Amino acid sequence: LFKMPQDARVIDFKIWHDALASSTTLALGDADDPDRFMAAAASHAAGIMVPLVGRIDTMAGYTYTAETVVSLTMAGGAATGTIHAYIMYVVD
């Protein structure tokens, strides 16, 4: 989904999607922690997923020490529809 450069520090993300199908979930993370930024959440109805107030402080401070791919993981069944996402980061 996103290739993060070395020393990238995530400061925000947003995912918005169509109603994907019953029992589907989406999670946002990387190979070391598949839900580093967002635990699996229901995606059966159209919606917007953003960090919860307070959660941004715990996940946003994460800095990648090597180039890493951030992935969106879907589970729970076959899905149809569109998913859009952005991730904002800085390199200190």
PDB file of N, CA and C in Angstrom:
ATOM      1  N   LEU A   1       0.832  -1.188   0.000  1.00  0.00           N
ATOM      2  CA  LEU A   1       0.000   0.000   0.000  1.00  0.00           C
ATOM      3  C   LEU A   1       0.875   1.250   0.000  1.00  0.00           C
ATOM      4  N   PHE A   2       1.794   1.367   0.991  1.00  0.00           N
ATOM      5  CA  PHE A   2       2.706   2.507   1.065  1.00  0.00           C
ATOM      6  C   PHE A   2       4.112   2.010   1.363  1.00  0.00           C
ATOM      7  N   LYS A   3       5.096   2.567   0.694  1.00  0.00           N
ATOM      8  CA  LYS A   3       6.486   2.265   1.021  1.00  0.00           C
ATOM      9  C   LYS A   3       7.001   3.416   1.872  1.00  0.00           C
ATOM     10  N   MET A   4       7.372   3.094   3.100  1.00  0.00           N
ATOM     11  CA  MET A   4       7.867   4.102   4.035  1.00  0.00           C
ATOM     12  C   MET A   4       9.390   4.118   3.985  1.00  0.00           C
ATOM     13  N   PRO A   5       9.990   5.303   3.852  1.00  0.00           N
ATOM     14  CA  PRO A   5      11.444   5.369   3.840  1.00  0.00           C
ATOM     15  C   PRO A   5      12.022   5.186   5.252  1.00  0.00           C
ATOM     16  N   GLN A   6      13.290   4.877   5.318  1.00  0.00           N
ATOM     17  CA  GLN A   6      13.972   4.801   6.605  1.00  0.00           C
ATOM     18  C   GLN A   6      13.814   6.134   7.322  1.00  0.00           C
ATOM     19  N   ASP A   7      13.617   6.086   8.626  1.00  0.00           N
ATOM     20  CA  ASP A   7      13.458   7.251   9.504  1.00  0.00           C
ATOM     21  C   ASP A   7      12.124   7.972   9.335  1.00  0.00           C
ATOM     22  N   ALA A   8      11.158   7.369   8.636  1.00  0.00           N
ATOM     23  CA  ALA A   8       9.825   7.972   8.514  1.00  0.00           C
ATOM     24  C   ALA A   8       9.080   7.822   9.831  1.00  0.00           C
ATOM     25  N   ARG A   9       8.468   8.913  10.289  1.00  0.00           N
ATOM     26  CA  ARG A   9       7.652   8.898  11.509  1.00  0.00           C
ATOM     27  C   ARG A   9       6.217   9.210  11.103  1.00  0.00           C
ATOM     28  N   VAL A  10       5.315   8.268  11.326  1.00  0.00           N
ATOM     29  CA  VAL A  10       3.911   8.423  10.942  1.00  0.00           C
ATOM     30  C   VAL A  10       3.243   9.438  11.854  1.00  0.00           C
ATOM     31  N   ILE A  11       2.524  10.393  11.251  1.00  0.00           N
ATOM     32  CA  ILE A  11       1.829  11.389  12.061  1.00  0.00           C
ATOM     33  C   ILE A  11       0.313  11.373  11.849  1.00  0.00           C
ATOM     34  N   ASP A  12      -0.167  10.703  10.805  1.00  0.00           N
ATOM     35  CA  ASP A  12      -1.616  10.634  10.593  1.00  0.00           C
ATOM     36  C   ASP A  12      -1.924   9.611   9.507  1.00  0.00           C
ATOM     37  N   PHE A  13      -3.165   9.119   9.502  1.00  0.00           N
ATOM     38  CA  PHE A  13      -3.646   8.289   8.403  1.00  0.00           C
ATOM     39  C   PHE A  13      -5.160   8.421   8.318  1.00  0.00           C
ATOM     40  N   LYS A  14      -5.703   8.015   7.182  1.00  0.00           N
ATOM     41  CA  LYS A  14      -7.146   8.005   6.983  1.00  0.00           C
ATOM     42  C   LYS A  14      -7.459   6.948   5.935  1.00  0.00           C
ATOM     43  N   ILE A  15      -8.499   6.181   6.176  1.00  0.00           N
ATOM     44  CA  ILE A  15      -8.964   5.169   5.236  1.00  0.00           C
ATOM     45  C   ILE A  15     -10.455   5.402   5.047  1.00  0.00           C
ATOM     46  N   TRP A  16     -10.908   5.467   3.822  1.00  0.00           N
ATOM     47  CA  TRP A  16     -12.345   5.560   3.578  1.00  0.00           C
ATOM     48  C   TRP A  16     -12.700   4.526   2.520  1.00  0.00           C
ATOM     49  N   HIS A  17     -13.873   3.921   2.686  1.00  0.00           N
ATOM     50  CA  HIS A  17     -14.217   2.763   1.857  1.00  0.00           C
ATOM     51  C   HIS A  17     -15.714   2.665   1.627  1.00  0.00           C
ATOM     52  N   ASP A  18     -16.049   1.927   0.570  1.00  0.00           N
ATOM     53  CA  ASP A  18     -17.438   1.575   0.292  1.00  0.00           C
ATOM     54  C   ASP A  18     -17.873   0.487   1.274  1.00  0.00           C
ATOM     55  N   ALA A  19     -19.148   0.144   1.238  1.00  0.00           N
ATOM     56  CA  ALA A  19     -19.620  -1.035   1.964  1.00  0.00           C
ATOM     57  C   ALA A  19     -18.998  -2.236   1.255  1.00  0.00           C
ATOM     58  N   LEU A  20     -18.109  -2.949   1.919  1.00  0.00           N
ATOM     59  CA  LEU A  20     -17.307  -3.971   1.241  1.00  0.00           C
ATOM     60  C   LEU A  20     -17.972  -5.342   1.217  1.00  0.00           C
ATOM     61  N   ALA A  21     -18.658  -5.723   2.232  1.00  0.00           N
ATOM     62  CA  ALA A  21     -19.411  -6.986   2.298  1.00  0.00           C
ATOM     63  C   ALA A  21     -19.566  -7.358   3.768  1.00  0.00           C
ATOM     64  N   SER A  22     -20.558  -8.199   4.049  1.00  0.00           N
ATOM     65  CA  SER A  22     -20.771  -8.589   5.440  1.00  0.00           C
ATOM     66  C   SER A  22     -19.567  -9.370   5.951  1.00  0.00           C
ATOM     67  N   SER A  23     -19.267  -9.179   7.207  1.00  0.00           N
ATOM     68  CA  SER A  23     -18.185  -9.864   7.929  1.00  0.00           C
ATOM     69  C   SER A  23     -16.777  -9.441   7.525  1.00  0.00           C
ATOM     70  N   THR A  24     -16.601  -8.423   6.686  1.00  0.00           N
ATOM     71  CA  THR A  24     -15.251  -7.999   6.310  1.00  0.00           C
ATOM     72  C   THR A  24     -14.680  -7.041   7.344  1.00  0.00           C
ATOM     73  N   THR A  25     -13.353  -7.092   7.479  1.00  0.00           N
ATOM     74  CA  THR A  25     -12.639  -6.169   8.361  1.00  0.00           C
ATOM     75  C   THR A  25     -11.400  -5.646   7.639  1.00  0.00           C
ATOM     76  N   LEU A  26     -10.916  -4.494   8.106  1.00  0.00           N
ATOM     77  CA  LEU A  26      -9.685  -3.901   7.601  1.00  0.00           C
ATOM     78  C   LEU A  26      -8.770  -3.587   8.775  1.00  0.00           C
ATOM     79  N   ALA A  27      -7.479  -3.817   8.606  1.00  0.00           N
ATOM     80  CA  ALA A  27      -6.464  -3.462   9.597  1.00  0.00           C
ATOM     81  C   ALA A  27      -5.308  -2.793   8.856  1.00  0.00           C
ATOM     82  N   LEU A  28      -4.608  -1.875   9.530  1.00  0.00           N
ATOM     83  CA  LEU A  28      -3.492  -1.153   8.919  1.00  0.00           C
ATOM     84  C   LEU A  28      -2.237  -1.362   9.750  1.00  0.00           C
ATOM     85  N   GLY A  29      -1.187  -1.845   9.118  1.00  0.00           N
ATOM     86  CA  GLY A  29       0.060  -2.083   9.834  1.00  0.00           C
ATOM     87  C   GLY A  29       1.178  -2.441   8.890  1.00  0.00           C
ATOM     88  N   ASP A  30       2.118  -3.246   9.371  1.00  0.00           N
ATOM     89  CA  ASP A  30       3.267  -3.649   8.565  1.00  0.00           C
ATOM     90  C   ASP A  30       3.575  -5.117   8.850  1.00  0.00           C
ATOM     91  N   ALA A  31       4.631  -5.629   8.248  1.00  0.00           N
ATOM     92  CA  ALA A  31       4.959  -7.054   8.397  1.00  0.00           C
ATOM     93  C   ALA A  31       5.251  -7.434   9.846  1.00  0.00           C
ATOM     94  N   ASP A  32       5.845  -6.532  10.627  1.00  0.00           N
ATOM     95  CA  ASP A  32       6.155  -6.829  12.026  1.00  0.00           C
ATOM     96  C   ASP A  32       4.947  -6.729  12.938  1.00  0.00           C
ATOM     97  N   ASP A  33       3.974  -5.898  12.573  1.00  0.00           N
ATOM     98  CA  ASP A  33       2.777  -5.687  13.389  1.00  0.00           C
ATOM     99  C   ASP A  33       1.623  -5.318  12.459  1.00  0.00           C
ATOM    100  N   PRO A  34       0.843  -6.309  12.014  1.00  0.00           N
ATOM    101  CA  PRO A  34      -0.201  -6.069  11.015  1.00  0.00           C
ATOM    102  C   PRO A  34      -1.287  -5.070  11.429  1.00  0.00           C
ATOM    103  N   ASP A  35      -1.377  -4.766  12.714  1.00  0.00           N
ATOM    104  CA  ASP A  35      -2.361  -3.756  13.148  1.00  0.00           C
ATOM    105  C   ASP A  35      -1.680  -2.637  13.942  1.00  0.00           C
ATOM    106  N   ARG A  36      -0.463  -2.300  13.551  1.00  0.00           N
ATOM    107  CA  ARG A  36       0.310  -1.271  14.254  1.00  0.00           C
ATOM    108  C   ARG A  36      -0.471   0.043  14.349  1.00  0.00           C
ATOM    109  N   PHE A  37      -1.168   0.414  13.295  1.00  0.00           N
ATOM    110  CA  PHE A  37      -1.851   1.703  13.266  1.00  0.00           C
ATOM    111  C   PHE A  37      -3.358   1.598  13.462  1.00  0.00           C
ATOM    112  N   MET A  38      -3.933   0.461  13.086  1.00  0.00           N
ATOM    113  CA  MET A  38      -5.375   0.293  13.260  1.00  0.00           C
ATOM    114  C   MET A  38      -5.697  -1.192  13.380  1.00  0.00           C
ATOM    115  N   ALA A  39      -6.311  -1.561  14.488  1.00  0.00           N
ATOM    116  CA  ALA A  39      -6.752  -2.938  14.675  1.00  0.00           C
ATOM    117  C   ALA A  39      -7.888  -3.237  13.702  1.00  0.00           C
ATOM    118  N   ALA A  40      -8.101  -4.504  13.415  1.00  0.00           N
ATOM    119  CA  ALA A  40      -9.160  -4.904  12.489  1.00  0.00           C
ATOM    120  C   ALA A  40     -10.489  -4.283  12.912  1.00  0.00           C
ATOM    121  N   ALA A  41     -11.131  -3.633  11.958  1.00  0.00           N
ATOM    122  CA  ALA A  41     -12.411  -2.969  12.211  1.00  0.00           C
ATOM    123  C   ALA A  41     -13.394  -3.344  11.108  1.00  0.00           C
ATOM    124  N   ALA A  42     -14.657  -3.410  11.463  1.00  0.00           N
ATOM    125  CA  ALA A  42     -15.704  -3.791  10.511  1.00  0.00           C
ATOM    126  C   ALA A  42     -15.729  -2.846   9.315  1.00  0.00           C
ATOM    127  N   SER A  43     -15.904  -3.424   8.132  1.00  0.00           N
ATOM    128  CA  SER A  43     -15.976  -2.627   6.907  1.00  0.00           C
ATOM    129  C   SER A  43     -17.184  -3.013   6.060  1.00  0.00           C
ATOM    130  N   HIS A  44     -18.209  -3.589   6.715  1.00  0.00           N
ATOM    131  CA  HIS A  44     -19.404  -4.013   5.981  1.00  0.00           C
ATOM    132  C   HIS A  44     -20.259  -2.836   5.522  1.00  0.00           C
ATOM    133  N   ALA A  45     -20.130  -1.705   6.190  1.00  0.00           N
ATOM    134  CA  ALA A  45     -20.846  -0.484   5.799  1.00  0.00           C
ATOM    135  C   ALA A  45     -19.824   0.556   5.361  1.00  0.00           C
ATOM    136  N   ALA A  46     -20.209   1.412   4.437  1.00  0.00           N
ATOM    137  CA  ALA A  46     -19.303   2.474   3.992  1.00  0.00           C
ATOM    138  C   ALA A  46     -18.876   3.291   5.201  1.00  0.00           C
ATOM    139  N   GLY A  47     -17.615   3.725   5.207  1.00  0.00           N
ATOM    140  CA  GLY A  47     -17.165   4.481   6.364  1.00  0.00           C
ATOM    141  C   GLY A  47     -15.802   5.105   6.195  1.00  0.00           C
ATOM    142  N   ILE A  48     -15.398   5.802   7.249  1.00  0.00           N
ATOM    143  CA  ILE A  48     -14.096   6.449   7.323  1.00  0.00           C
ATOM    144  C   ILE A  48     -13.420   5.970   8.598  1.00  0.00           C
ATOM    145  N   MET A  49     -12.172   5.567   8.493  1.00  0.00           N
ATOM    146  CA  MET A  49     -11.412   5.108   9.652  1.00  0.00           C
ATOM    147  C   MET A  49     -10.248   6.063   9.866  1.00  0.00           C
ATOM    148  N   VAL A  50     -10.162   6.607  11.047  1.00  0.00           N
ATOM    149  CA  VAL A  50      -9.093   7.531  11.414  1.00  0.00           C
ATOM    150  C   VAL A  50      -8.599   7.138  12.801  1.00  0.00           C
ATOM    151  N   PRO A  51      -7.406   7.597  13.195  1.00  0.00           N
ATOM    152  CA  PRO A  51      -6.937   7.285  14.548  1.00  0.00           C
ATOM    153  C   PRO A  51      -7.890   7.859  15.591  1.00  0.00           C
ATOM    154  N   LEU A  52      -8.112   7.119  16.645  1.00  0.00           N
ATOM    155  CA  LEU A  52      -8.938   7.616  17.738  1.00  0.00           C
ATOM    156  C   LEU A  52      -8.176   8.681  18.515  1.00  0.00           C
ATOM    157  N   VAL A  53      -8.879   9.636  19.070  1.00  0.00           N
ATOM    158  CA  VAL A  53      -8.239  10.652  19.909  1.00  0.00           C
ATOM    159  C   VAL A  53      -7.471   9.931  21.010  1.00  0.00           C
ATOM    160  N   GLY A  54      -6.243  10.302  21.217  1.00  0.00           N
ATOM    161  CA  GLY A  54      -5.397   9.619  22.194  1.00  0.00           C
ATOM    162  C   GLY A  54      -4.562   8.535  21.550  1.00  0.00           C
ATOM    163  N   ARG A  55      -5.126   7.800  20.630  1.00  0.00           N
ATOM    164  CA  ARG A  55      -4.391   6.736  19.933  1.00  0.00           C
ATOM    165  C   ARG A  55      -3.322   7.335  19.030  1.00  0.00           C
ATOM    166  N   ILE A  56      -3.596   8.481  18.439  1.00  0.00           N
ATOM    167  CA  ILE A  56      -2.620   9.113  17.562  1.00  0.00           C
ATOM    168  C   ILE A  56      -1.300   9.346  18.298  1.00  0.00           C
ATOM    169  N   ASP A  57      -1.362   9.639  19.584  1.00  0.00           N
ATOM    170  CA  ASP A  57      -0.135   9.863  20.348  1.00  0.00           C
ATOM    171  C   ASP A  57       0.690   8.590  20.488  1.00  0.00           C
ATOM    172  N   THR A  58       0.038   7.450  20.618  1.00  0.00           N
ATOM    173  CA  THR A  58       0.786   6.209  20.807  1.00  0.00           C
ATOM    174  C   THR A  58       1.300   5.653  19.493  1.00  0.00           C
ATOM    175  N   MET A  59       0.537   5.772  18.418  1.00  0.00           N
ATOM    176  CA  MET A  59       0.997   5.202  17.167  1.00  0.00           C
ATOM    177  C   MET A  59       1.800   6.193  16.345  1.00  0.00           C
ATOM    178  N   ALA A  60       1.548   7.466  16.500  1.00  0.00           N
ATOM    179  CA  ALA A  60       2.194   8.455  15.647  1.00  0.00           C
ATOM    180  C   ALA A  60       3.661   8.627  15.956  1.00  0.00           C
ATOM    181  N   GLY A  61       4.080   8.273  17.132  1.00  0.00           N
ATOM    182  CA  GLY A  61       5.481   8.415  17.463  1.00  0.00           C
ATOM    183  C   GLY A  61       6.357   7.323  16.873  1.00  0.00           C
ATOM    184  N   TYR A  62       5.742   6.356  16.192  1.00  0.00           N
ATOM    185  CA  TYR A  62       6.516   5.233  15.678  1.00  0.00           C
ATOM    186  C   TYR A  62       7.379   5.672  14.502  1.00  0.00           C
ATOM    187  N   THR A  63       8.672   5.370  14.573  1.00  0.00           N
ATOM    188  CA  THR A  63       9.619   5.706  13.512  1.00  0.00           C
ATOM    189  C   THR A  63      10.194   4.419  12.932  1.00  0.00           C
ATOM    190  N   TYR A  64      10.160   4.307  11.625  1.00  0.00           N
ATOM    191  CA  TYR A  64      10.725   3.139  10.953  1.00  0.00           C
ATOM    192  C   TYR A  64      12.241   3.273  10.861  1.00  0.00           C
ATOM    193  N   THR A  65      12.948   2.230  11.241  1.00  0.00           N
ATOM    194  CA  THR A  65      14.410   2.255  11.204  1.00  0.00           C
ATOM    195  C   THR A  65      14.956   1.731   9.879  1.00  0.00           C
ATOM    196  N   ALA A  66      14.089   1.183   9.054  1.00  0.00           N
ATOM    197  CA  ALA A  66      14.469   0.698   7.722  1.00  0.00           C
ATOM    198  C   ALA A  66      13.282   0.914   6.790  1.00  0.00           C
ATOM    199  N   GLU A  67      13.548   0.923   5.495  1.00  0.00           N
ATOM    200  CA  GLU A  67      12.450   1.034   4.533  1.00  0.00           C
ATOM    201  C   GLU A  67      11.467  -0.102   4.774  1.00  0.00           C
ATOM    202  N   THR A  68      10.183   0.218   4.836  1.00  0.00           N
ATOM    203  CA  THR A  68       9.158  -0.746   5.204  1.00  0.00           C
ATOM    204  C   THR A  68       7.896  -0.485   4.398  1.00  0.00           C
ATOM    205  N   VAL A  69       7.147  -1.544   4.120  1.00  0.00           N
ATOM    206  CA  VAL A  69       5.861  -1.407   3.437  1.00  0.00           C
ATOM    207  C   VAL A  69       4.746  -1.454   4.477  1.00  0.00           C
ATOM    208  N   VAL A  70       3.884  -0.452   4.450  1.00  0.00           N
ATOM    209  CA  VAL A  70       2.687  -0.427   5.291  1.00  0.00           C
ATOM    210  C   VAL A  70       1.559  -1.037   4.474  1.00  0.00           C
ATOM    211  N   SER A  71       0.843  -1.982   5.066  1.00  0.00           N
ATOM    212  CA  SER A  71      -0.180  -2.736   4.349  1.00  0.00           C
ATOM    213  C   SER A  71      -1.552  -2.593   4.983  1.00  0.00           C
ATOM    214  N   LEU A  72      -2.556  -2.715   4.159  1.00  0.00           N
ATOM    215  CA  LEU A  72      -3.946  -2.769   4.597  1.00  0.00           C
ATOM    216  C   LEU A  72      -4.363  -4.231   4.457  1.00  0.00           C
ATOM    217  N   THR A  73      -4.783  -4.846   5.553  1.00  0.00           N
ATOM    218  CA  THR A  73      -5.147  -6.255   5.546  1.00  0.00           C
ATOM    219  C   THR A  73      -6.657  -6.402   5.631  1.00  0.00           C
ATOM    220  N   MET A  74      -7.218  -7.157   4.696  1.00  0.00           N
ATOM    221  CA  MET A  74      -8.653  -7.422   4.706  1.00  0.00           C
ATOM    222  C   MET A  74      -8.875  -8.869   5.131  1.00  0.00           C
ATOM    223  N   ALA A  75      -9.891  -9.086   5.935  1.00  0.00           N
ATOM    224  CA  ALA A  75     -10.204 -10.437   6.388  1.00  0.00           C
ATOM    225  C   ALA A  75     -11.717 -10.595   6.485  1.00  0.00           C
ATOM    226  N   GLY A  76     -12.148 -11.824   6.674  1.00  0.00           N
ATOM    227  CA  GLY A  76     -13.538 -12.101   6.979  1.00  0.00           C
ATOM    228  C   GLY A  76     -14.430 -12.476   5.818  1.00  0.00           C
ATOM    229  N   GLY A  77     -13.978 -12.349   4.598  1.00  0.00           N
ATOM    230  CA  GLY A  77     -14.816 -12.732   3.469  1.00  0.00           C
ATOM    231  C   GLY A  77     -14.448 -11.988   2.211  1.00  0.00           C
ATOM    232  N   ALA A  78     -15.091 -12.382   1.128  1.00  0.00           N
ATOM    233  CA  ALA A  78     -14.857 -11.718  -0.157  1.00  0.00           C
ATOM    234  C   ALA A  78     -15.492 -10.332  -0.120  1.00  0.00           C
ATOM    235  N   ALA A  79     -14.780  -9.366  -0.672  1.00  0.00           N
ATOM    236  CA  ALA A  79     -15.263  -7.984  -0.625  1.00  0.00           C
ATOM    237  C   ALA A  79     -15.342  -7.403  -2.027  1.00  0.00           C
ATOM    238  N   THR A  80     -16.266  -6.486  -2.199  1.00  0.00           N
ATOM    239  CA  THR A  80     -16.348  -5.722  -3.439  1.00  0.00           C
ATOM    240  C   THR A  80     -16.482  -4.262  -3.054  1.00  0.00           C
ATOM    241  N   GLY A  81     -15.914  -3.385  -3.859  1.00  0.00           N
ATOM    242  CA  GLY A  81     -15.992  -1.965  -3.561  1.00  0.00           C
ATOM    243  C   GLY A  81     -14.631  -1.321  -3.653  1.00  0.00           C
ATOM    244  N   THR A  82     -14.585  -0.068  -3.259  1.00  0.00           N
ATOM    245  CA  THR A  82     -13.380   0.735  -3.373  1.00  0.00           C
ATOM    246  C   THR A  82     -12.869   1.125  -1.997  1.00  0.00           C
ATOM    247  N   ILE A  83     -11.540   1.117  -1.854  1.00  0.00           N
ATOM    248  CA  ILE A  83     -10.880   1.549  -0.631  1.00  0.00           C
ATOM    249  C   ILE A  83      -9.876   2.632  -1.014  1.00  0.00           C
ATOM    250  N   HIS A  84      -9.902   3.739  -0.296  1.00  0.00           N
ATOM    251  CA  HIS A  84      -8.932   4.816  -0.483  1.00  0.00           C
ATOM    252  C   HIS A  84      -8.184   4.997   0.836  1.00  0.00           C
ATOM    253  N   ALA A  85      -6.922   5.375   0.751  1.00  0.00           N
ATOM    254  CA  ALA A  85      -6.150   5.552   1.981  1.00  0.00           C
ATOM    255  C   ALA A  85      -5.053   6.595   1.767  1.00  0.00           C
ATOM    256  N   TYR A  86      -4.704   7.258   2.868  1.00  0.00           N
ATOM    257  CA  TYR A  86      -3.493   8.086   2.865  1.00  0.00           C
ATOM    258  C   TYR A  86      -2.799   7.923   4.192  1.00  0.00           C
ATOM    259  N   ILE A  87      -1.494   8.121   4.160  1.00  0.00           N
ATOM    260  CA  ILE A  87      -0.707   8.111   5.377  1.00  0.00           C
ATOM    261  C   ILE A  87       0.226   9.320   5.312  1.00  0.00           C
ATOM    262  N   MET A  88       0.313  10.042   6.397  1.00  0.00           N
ATOM    263  CA  MET A  88       1.162  11.226   6.452  1.00  0.00           C
ATOM    264  C   MET A  88       2.329  10.920   7.374  1.00  0.00           C
ATOM    265  N   TYR A  89       3.521  11.273   6.914  1.00  0.00           N
ATOM    266  CA  TYR A  89       4.713  11.036   7.723  1.00  0.00           C
ATOM    267  C   TYR A  89       5.717  12.143   7.521  1.00  0.00           C
ATOM    268  N   VAL A  90       6.659  12.224   8.433  1.00  0.00           N
ATOM    269  CA  VAL A  90       7.787  13.144   8.307  1.00  0.00           C
ATOM    270  C   VAL A  90       9.058  12.327   8.458  1.00  0.00           C
ATOM    271  N   VAL A  91      10.134  12.832   7.905  1.00  0.00           N
ATOM    272  CA  VAL A  91      11.442  12.233   8.091  1.00  0.00           C
ATOM    273  C   VAL A  91      12.274  13.255   8.838  1.00  0.00           C
ATOM    274  N   ASP A  92      12.617  12.910  10.072  1.00  0.00           N
ATOM    275  CA  ASP A  92      13.372  13.830  10.928  1.00  0.00           C
ATOM    276  C   ASP A  92      14.846  13.807  10.606  1.00  0.00           C
TER     277      ASP A  92
END
